[in-house]
Amino acid sequence: MNILFLNDNNDRTKDFKRHSPSAVTVETAKECIDKLKGGMKFDFLFLDHDLGDEVFVDSKREDCGMEVVRWMVENKQSVGHVVVHTLNHPASKIMVGKLRSVGYQTTPLPFVMFNQSNIYSLLKGD
């Protein structure tokens, strides 16, 4: 299973990698887009919105998860499932709406809600 995980918080990334050790992790929107451009098909893409140790950043900025969403909408990628895991609820709602509007299977699930009964079951296909 190919997983791409965008998050700038090292503790969250380490926690995620404990459950999905083969996941590709990136910290910036640019790195995420570069991985998507690379041609690998990802079964799961996990997107954070607020990057760079900032909170509630303007979604118009290029250095946030919304930039990945904008790129995906314009450059339809073969991604199995997108999980928007940002704690920024207003941005999450917009990200999910944009992705769903062009056909991506998308789930909003803040990282703090990850647990064995939801996200890790989702990864296993339960």
Protein backbone atom coordinates (compact mmCIF):
# COMPACT_ATOMS: atom_id res chain seq x y z
CA MET A 1 0.00 0.00 0.00
CA ASN A 2 1.43 3.38 -1.05
CA ILE A 3 0.77 6.22 1.38
CA LEU A 4 1.78 9.88 1.15
CA PHE A 5 1.58 11.88 4.39
CA LEU A 6 1.87 15.70 4.42
CA ASN A 7 2.52 17.10 7.89
CA ASP A 8 5.08 19.48 9.38
CA ASN A 9 4.87 18.18 12.96
CA ASN A 10 7.64 15.65 13.70
CA ASP A 11 5.77 14.03 16.60
CA ARG A 12 2.68 13.42 14.48
CA THR A 13 4.79 12.09 11.64
CA LYS A 14 6.60 9.69 13.98
CA ASP A 15 3.29 8.51 15.42
CA PHE A 16 1.88 7.95 11.95
CA LYS A 17 5.01 6.10 10.78
CA ARG A 18 4.71 3.72 13.75
CA HIS A 19 1.46 2.43 12.22
CA SER A 20 2.48 2.83 8.57
CA PRO A 21 6.28 2.46 8.42
CA SER A 22 6.42 2.42 4.61
CA ALA A 23 4.55 5.74 4.24
CA VAL A 24 6.29 8.51 2.30
CA THR A 25 6.32 11.63 4.49
CA VAL A 26 6.73 15.22 3.36
CA GLU A 27 6.64 18.54 5.22
CA THR A 28 5.77 21.08 2.52
CA ALA A 29 3.12 21.53 -0.15
CA LYS A 30 5.84 21.66 -2.80
CA GLU A 31 7.33 18.33 -1.67
CA CYS A 32 3.86 16.78 -1.70
CA ILE A 33 3.12 18.01 -5.22
CA ASP A 34 6.53 16.80 -6.40
CA LYS A 35 5.76 13.30 -5.05
CA LEU A 36 2.37 13.32 -6.78
CA LYS A 37 4.04 14.41 -10.03
CA GLY A 38 6.51 11.55 -9.69
CA GLY A 39 4.09 9.06 -11.18
CA MET A 40 3.63 6.77 -8.16
CA LYS A 41 0.01 5.90 -7.51
CA PHE A 42 -0.88 6.51 -3.88
CA ASP A 43 -3.61 4.47 -2.23
CA PHE A 44 -3.89 7.10 0.50
CA LEU A 45 -2.94 10.76 0.66
CA PHE A 46 -3.06 12.49 4.05
CA LEU A 47 -3.19 16.28 3.90
CA ASP A 48 -2.55 18.85 6.57
CA HIS A 49 -3.44 22.48 5.86
CA ASP A 50 -1.43 24.64 8.28
CA LEU A 51 2.27 24.07 7.66
CA GLY A 52 5.45 25.73 8.88
CA ASP A 53 4.46 25.64 12.56
CA GLU A 54 1.67 28.14 11.91
CA VAL A 55 -2.04 27.86 12.65
CA PHE A 56 -5.06 29.06 10.71
CA VAL A 57 -3.00 30.25 7.75
CA ASP A 58 -4.65 31.94 4.78
CA SER A 59 -5.73 29.25 2.29
CA LYS A 60 -4.62 31.50 -0.57
CA ARG A 61 -0.99 30.98 0.38
CA GLU A 62 1.13 28.56 -1.63
CA ASP A 63 2.79 27.06 1.44
CA CYS A 64 -0.26 25.28 2.84
CA GLY A 65 -2.18 22.09 2.11
CA MET A 66 -4.74 23.98 0.05
CA GLU A 67 -2.05 24.45 -2.61
CA VAL A 68 -1.90 20.67 -2.98
CA VAL A 69 -5.68 20.59 -3.37
CA ARG A 70 -5.57 23.32 -6.03
CA TRP A 71 -2.90 21.38 -7.91
CA MET A 72 -4.85 18.11 -7.65
CA VAL A 73 -8.04 19.73 -8.95
CA GLU A 74 -6.15 21.04 -11.99
CA ASN A 75 -4.02 17.93 -12.54
CA LYS A 76 -6.33 15.03 -11.72
CA GLN A 77 -4.22 12.38 -10.04
CA SER A 78 -4.90 8.72 -9.41
CA VAL A 79 -5.21 8.70 -5.63
CA GLY A 80 -7.29 6.04 -3.92
CA HIS A 81 -8.45 8.00 -0.88
CA VAL A 82 -7.62 11.45 0.51
CA VAL A 83 -7.77 12.05 4.25
CA VAL A 84 -7.76 15.72 5.26
CA HIS A 85 -6.31 15.61 8.76
CA THR A 86 -5.88 19.30 9.55
CA LEU A 87 -7.21 20.75 12.79
CA ASN A 88 -8.18 23.89 10.84
CA HIS A 89 -11.88 23.08 10.43
CA PRO A 90 -12.79 25.93 8.02
CA ALA A 91 -9.90 24.99 5.71
CA SER A 92 -10.72 21.29 6.01
CA LYS A 93 -14.28 21.91 4.90
CA ILE A 94 -13.10 23.77 1.78
CA MET A 95 -10.41 21.20 0.97
CA VAL A 96 -12.83 18.31 1.25
CA GLY A 97 -15.46 20.12 -0.84
CA LYS A 98 -13.02 20.93 -3.65
CA LEU A 99 -11.63 17.40 -3.76
CA ARG A 100 -15.06 15.77 -3.72
CA SER A 101 -16.32 18.13 -6.44
CA VAL A 102 -13.86 16.57 -8.89
CA GLY A 103 -14.42 13.00 -7.80
CA TYR A 104 -11.83 12.25 -5.12
CA GLN A 105 -12.92 9.93 -2.32
CA THR A 106 -12.21 12.18 0.66
CA THR A 107 -12.59 11.91 4.44
CA PRO A 108 -12.15 14.79 6.91
CA LEU A 109 -10.49 13.38 10.02
CA PRO A 110 -8.40 15.64 12.29
CA PHE A 111 -5.15 13.99 13.34
CA VAL A 112 -6.14 14.12 17.01
CA MET A 113 -9.01 11.77 16.12
CA PHE A 114 -6.72 9.07 14.67
CA ASN A 115 -7.07 5.87 16.64
CA GLN A 116 -7.18 2.15 16.09
CA SER A 117 -10.90 2.10 15.44
CA ASN A 118 -10.92 4.64 12.60
CA ILE A 119 -7.83 5.66 10.68
CA TYR A 120 -5.78 2.53 11.11
CA SER A 121 -8.82 0.44 10.23
CA LEU A 122 -9.26 2.61 7.15
CA LEU A 123 -5.68 1.84 6.14
CA LYS A 124 -6.26 -1.87 6.58
CA GLY A 125 -9.46 -1.69 4.55
CA ASP A 126 -11.72 -2.82 7.40
